[in-house]
Amino acid sequence: MRITSSYISLKEVRFHAFHGVLPQERQVGGDFLVTVRVGYPLERAMETDHVGDTLDYSALYALVEKRMAESSKLLEHVAGRIVKAIT
């Protein structure tokens, strides 16, 4: 069997952010749990044993953290920003 791809997951990572339609939601903020699953090719990392050949989950976390820090009215908008940043 030949494995050529895998996934990295961030599961229920908690962020305090200021999303919502109501002014109070955007002032007080709330806690949000974010789960992200990203597919990536792992064949090269399996061969080389170099960190640069794999998906850096700390960079993925930082990417999600940055997008969560940008206030939005709709969570769908936040999710769209996260997806665009990953792809």
N, C-alpha and C. Protein backbone atom coordinates (compact mmCIF):
# COMPACT_ATOMS: atom_id res chain seq x y z
N MET A 1 0.84 -1.17 0.00
CA MET A 1 0.00 0.00 0.00
C MET A 1 0.89 1.25 0.00
N ARG A 2 0.50 2.24 -0.78
CA ARG A 2 1.26 3.48 -0.87
C ARG A 2 0.40 4.63 -0.35
N ILE A 3 0.87 5.31 0.68
CA ILE A 3 0.16 6.45 1.26
C ILE A 3 0.77 7.72 0.69
N THR A 4 -0.06 8.56 0.10
CA THR A 4 0.46 9.77 -0.52
C THR A 4 -0.11 11.05 0.08
N SER A 5 -1.16 10.94 0.89
CA SER A 5 -1.73 12.14 1.48
C SER A 5 -2.30 11.83 2.86
N SER A 6 -2.48 12.89 3.62
CA SER A 6 -3.02 12.76 4.96
C SER A 6 -3.71 14.06 5.34
N TYR A 7 -4.07 14.19 6.61
CA TYR A 7 -4.75 15.37 7.10
C TYR A 7 -4.11 15.85 8.39
N ILE A 8 -4.17 17.15 8.60
CA ILE A 8 -3.84 17.77 9.87
C ILE A 8 -5.14 18.36 10.38
N SER A 9 -5.45 18.15 11.63
CA SER A 9 -6.67 18.69 12.21
C SER A 9 -6.38 19.54 13.43
N LEU A 10 -7.06 20.66 13.52
CA LEU A 10 -7.13 21.43 14.75
C LEU A 10 -8.55 21.23 15.24
N LYS A 11 -8.72 20.66 16.40
CA LYS A 11 -10.06 20.31 16.89
C LYS A 11 -10.45 21.18 18.08
N GLU A 12 -11.58 21.85 17.91
CA GLU A 12 -12.18 22.66 18.96
C GLU A 12 -11.18 23.59 19.63
N VAL A 13 -10.47 24.35 18.82
CA VAL A 13 -9.54 25.36 19.32
C VAL A 13 -10.37 26.57 19.73
N ARG A 14 -10.17 27.05 20.95
CA ARG A 14 -10.99 28.13 21.49
C ARG A 14 -10.34 29.49 21.24
N PHE A 15 -11.17 30.41 20.71
CA PHE A 15 -10.75 31.79 20.48
C PHE A 15 -11.80 32.72 21.08
N HIS A 16 -11.37 33.77 21.73
CA HIS A 16 -12.28 34.83 22.14
C HIS A 16 -12.24 35.86 21.03
N ALA A 17 -13.39 36.13 20.43
CA ALA A 17 -13.43 37.02 19.27
C ALA A 17 -14.70 37.87 19.32
N PHE A 18 -14.76 38.84 18.43
CA PHE A 18 -15.81 39.85 18.46
C PHE A 18 -16.65 39.79 17.19
N HIS A 19 -17.38 38.69 17.02
CA HIS A 19 -18.23 38.48 15.86
C HIS A 19 -19.69 38.58 16.28
N GLY A 20 -20.52 39.05 15.37
CA GLY A 20 -21.95 39.08 15.62
C GLY A 20 -22.61 40.27 14.96
N VAL A 21 -23.91 40.17 14.81
CA VAL A 21 -24.69 41.23 14.19
C VAL A 21 -24.98 42.34 15.19
N LEU A 22 -25.25 41.98 16.42
CA LEU A 22 -25.62 42.96 17.44
C LEU A 22 -24.39 43.71 17.95
N PRO A 23 -24.55 45.00 18.23
CA PRO A 23 -23.43 45.78 18.74
C PRO A 23 -22.79 45.19 20.00
N GLN A 24 -23.61 44.65 20.88
CA GLN A 24 -23.07 44.06 22.13
C GLN A 24 -22.16 42.87 21.83
N GLU A 25 -22.52 42.06 20.86
CA GLU A 25 -21.69 40.91 20.49
C GLU A 25 -20.31 41.38 20.02
N ARG A 26 -20.29 42.48 19.33
CA ARG A 26 -19.03 42.99 18.77
C ARG A 26 -18.22 43.76 19.81
N GLN A 27 -18.88 44.20 20.90
CA GLN A 27 -18.16 44.90 21.97
C GLN A 27 -17.64 43.93 23.02
N VAL A 28 -18.49 43.03 23.49
CA VAL A 28 -18.14 42.10 24.56
C VAL A 28 -17.39 40.89 24.02
N GLY A 29 -17.79 40.44 22.86
CA GLY A 29 -17.18 39.26 22.27
C GLY A 29 -17.73 37.98 22.87
N GLY A 30 -17.20 36.89 22.42
CA GLY A 30 -17.61 35.58 22.90
C GLY A 30 -16.54 34.56 22.57
N ASP A 31 -16.71 33.38 23.15
CA ASP A 31 -15.77 32.29 22.88
C ASP A 31 -16.31 31.45 21.72
N PHE A 32 -15.42 31.11 20.81
CA PHE A 32 -15.77 30.33 19.63
C PHE A 32 -14.84 29.12 19.55
N LEU A 33 -15.41 27.97 19.22
CA LEU A 33 -14.62 26.76 19.01
C LEU A 33 -14.48 26.54 17.51
N VAL A 34 -13.25 26.37 17.06
CA VAL A 34 -12.99 26.21 15.63
C VAL A 34 -12.34 24.85 15.39
N THR A 35 -12.87 24.11 14.44
CA THR A 35 -12.28 22.85 14.01
C THR A 35 -11.94 22.97 12.53
N VAL A 36 -10.70 22.64 12.19
CA VAL A 36 -10.23 22.72 10.81
C VAL A 36 -9.54 21.41 10.46
N ARG A 37 -9.84 20.89 9.28
CA ARG A 37 -9.18 19.66 8.79
C ARG A 37 -8.63 19.97 7.41
N VAL A 38 -7.31 19.83 7.25
CA VAL A 38 -6.65 20.19 6.00
C VAL A 38 -5.90 18.99 5.43
N GLY A 39 -6.19 18.66 4.19
CA GLY A 39 -5.47 17.59 3.52
C GLY A 39 -4.18 18.11 2.92
N TYR A 40 -3.17 17.27 2.89
CA TYR A 40 -1.89 17.66 2.31
C TYR A 40 -1.12 16.43 1.86
N PRO A 41 -0.23 16.60 0.89
CA PRO A 41 0.59 15.47 0.44
C PRO A 41 1.71 15.21 1.45
N LEU A 42 1.85 13.99 1.89
CA LEU A 42 2.88 13.69 2.90
C LEU A 42 4.00 12.81 2.38
N GLU A 43 3.91 12.42 1.13
CA GLU A 43 4.90 11.49 0.58
C GLU A 43 6.33 12.03 0.68
N ARG A 44 6.54 13.28 0.35
CA ARG A 44 7.89 13.85 0.41
C ARG A 44 8.42 13.85 1.85
N ALA A 45 7.59 14.24 2.81
CA ALA A 45 8.02 14.25 4.22
C ALA A 45 8.36 12.84 4.69
N MET A 46 7.64 11.86 4.20
CA MET A 46 7.93 10.47 4.57
C MET A 46 9.31 10.05 4.06
N GLU A 47 9.71 10.60 2.92
CA GLU A 47 11.00 10.23 2.33
C GLU A 47 12.17 11.03 2.92
N THR A 48 11.95 12.33 3.18
CA THR A 48 13.06 13.21 3.54
C THR A 48 13.28 13.38 5.04
N ASP A 49 12.24 13.26 5.83
CA ASP A 49 12.30 13.50 7.27
C ASP A 49 12.64 14.97 7.59
N HIS A 50 12.26 15.89 6.67
CA HIS A 50 12.48 17.32 6.87
C HIS A 50 11.17 17.99 7.25
N VAL A 51 11.21 18.82 8.26
CA VAL A 51 10.02 19.53 8.72
C VAL A 51 9.44 20.41 7.61
N GLY A 52 10.29 20.98 6.78
CA GLY A 52 9.83 21.84 5.70
C GLY A 52 9.01 21.13 4.64
N ASP A 53 9.01 19.82 4.65
CA ASP A 53 8.27 19.05 3.65
C ASP A 53 6.90 18.59 4.14
N THR A 54 6.48 19.09 5.29
CA THR A 54 5.19 18.70 5.83
C THR A 54 4.35 19.95 6.09
N LEU A 55 3.14 19.77 6.54
CA LEU A 55 2.26 20.88 6.88
C LEU A 55 2.53 21.29 8.32
N ASP A 56 2.86 22.52 8.53
CA ASP A 56 3.19 23.05 9.85
C ASP A 56 1.90 23.40 10.58
N TYR A 57 1.52 22.60 11.56
CA TYR A 57 0.25 22.85 12.25
C TYR A 57 0.29 24.13 13.08
N SER A 58 1.47 24.58 13.51
CA SER A 58 1.54 25.84 14.24
C SER A 58 1.27 27.02 13.30
N ALA A 59 1.68 26.91 12.05
CA ALA A 59 1.38 27.95 11.05
C ALA A 59 -0.12 27.93 10.73
N LEU A 60 -0.71 26.75 10.68
CA LEU A 60 -2.15 26.63 10.46
C LEU A 60 -2.91 27.29 11.60
N TYR A 61 -2.48 27.03 12.83
CA TYR A 61 -3.11 27.65 13.99
C TYR A 61 -3.00 29.17 13.90
N ALA A 62 -1.83 29.70 13.58
CA ALA A 62 -1.61 31.14 13.49
C ALA A 62 -2.51 31.76 12.42
N LEU A 63 -2.68 31.06 11.31
CA LEU A 63 -3.54 31.53 10.24
C LEU A 63 -4.99 31.65 10.72
N VAL A 64 -5.48 30.62 11.41
CA VAL A 64 -6.85 30.64 11.93
C VAL A 64 -6.99 31.73 12.99
N GLU A 65 -6.01 31.84 13.86
CA GLU A 65 -6.04 32.85 14.92
C GLU A 65 -6.14 34.26 14.33
N LYS A 66 -5.38 34.54 13.29
CA LYS A 66 -5.40 35.85 12.65
C LYS A 66 -6.77 36.16 12.06
N ARG A 67 -7.38 35.17 11.39
CA ARG A 67 -8.69 35.40 10.77
C ARG A 67 -9.78 35.54 11.83
N MET A 68 -9.65 34.82 12.92
CA MET A 68 -10.64 34.94 14.01
C MET A 68 -10.55 36.31 14.69
N ALA A 69 -9.40 36.94 14.66
CA ALA A 69 -9.21 38.24 15.29
C ALA A 69 -9.84 39.38 14.49
N GLU A 70 -10.19 39.11 13.23
CA GLU A 70 -10.83 40.12 12.38
C GLU A 70 -12.34 40.04 12.59
N SER A 71 -12.91 41.06 13.19
CA SER A 71 -14.34 41.07 13.52
C SER A 71 -15.21 40.99 12.28
N SER A 72 -16.28 40.20 12.39
CA SER A 72 -17.26 40.06 11.30
C SER A 72 -18.66 39.93 11.89
N LYS A 73 -19.64 40.29 11.11
CA LYS A 73 -21.02 40.10 11.54
C LYS A 73 -21.41 38.63 11.45
N LEU A 74 -20.97 37.95 10.39
CA LEU A 74 -21.39 36.58 10.14
C LEU A 74 -20.23 35.60 10.29
N LEU A 75 -20.51 34.47 10.95
CA LEU A 75 -19.50 33.43 11.09
C LEU A 75 -19.16 32.81 9.73
N GLU A 76 -20.12 32.82 8.82
CA GLU A 76 -19.86 32.32 7.48
C GLU A 76 -18.76 33.14 6.80
N HIS A 77 -18.75 34.42 7.08
CA HIS A 77 -17.73 35.30 6.52
C HIS A 77 -16.36 34.96 7.10
N VAL A 78 -16.31 34.70 8.39
CA VAL A 78 -15.06 34.30 9.05
C VAL A 78 -14.58 32.98 8.46
N ALA A 79 -15.48 32.02 8.34
CA ALA A 79 -15.12 30.70 7.79
C ALA A 79 -14.59 30.85 6.36
N GLY A 80 -15.20 31.71 5.58
CA GLY A 80 -14.75 31.94 4.22
C GLY A 80 -13.34 32.52 4.18
N ARG A 81 -13.04 33.44 5.08
CA ARG A 81 -11.69 34.01 5.15
C ARG A 81 -10.66 32.94 5.51
N ILE A 82 -11.03 32.06 6.43
CA ILE A 82 -10.12 30.99 6.84
C ILE A 82 -9.84 30.07 5.66
N VAL A 83 -10.89 29.65 4.96
CA VAL A 83 -10.73 28.76 3.81
C VAL A 83 -9.87 29.42 2.73
N LYS A 84 -10.13 30.69 2.43
CA LYS A 84 -9.35 31.39 1.41
C LYS A 84 -7.88 31.49 1.80
N ALA A 85 -7.61 31.69 3.09
CA ALA A 85 -6.22 31.81 3.55
C ALA A 85 -5.49 30.47 3.47
N ILE A 86 -6.22 29.38 3.64
CA ILE A 86 -5.60 28.05 3.60
C ILE A 86 -5.30 27.64 2.17
N THR A 87 -6.21 27.96 1.25
CA THR A 87 -6.05 27.52 -0.14
C THR A 87 -5.18 28.40 -0.97
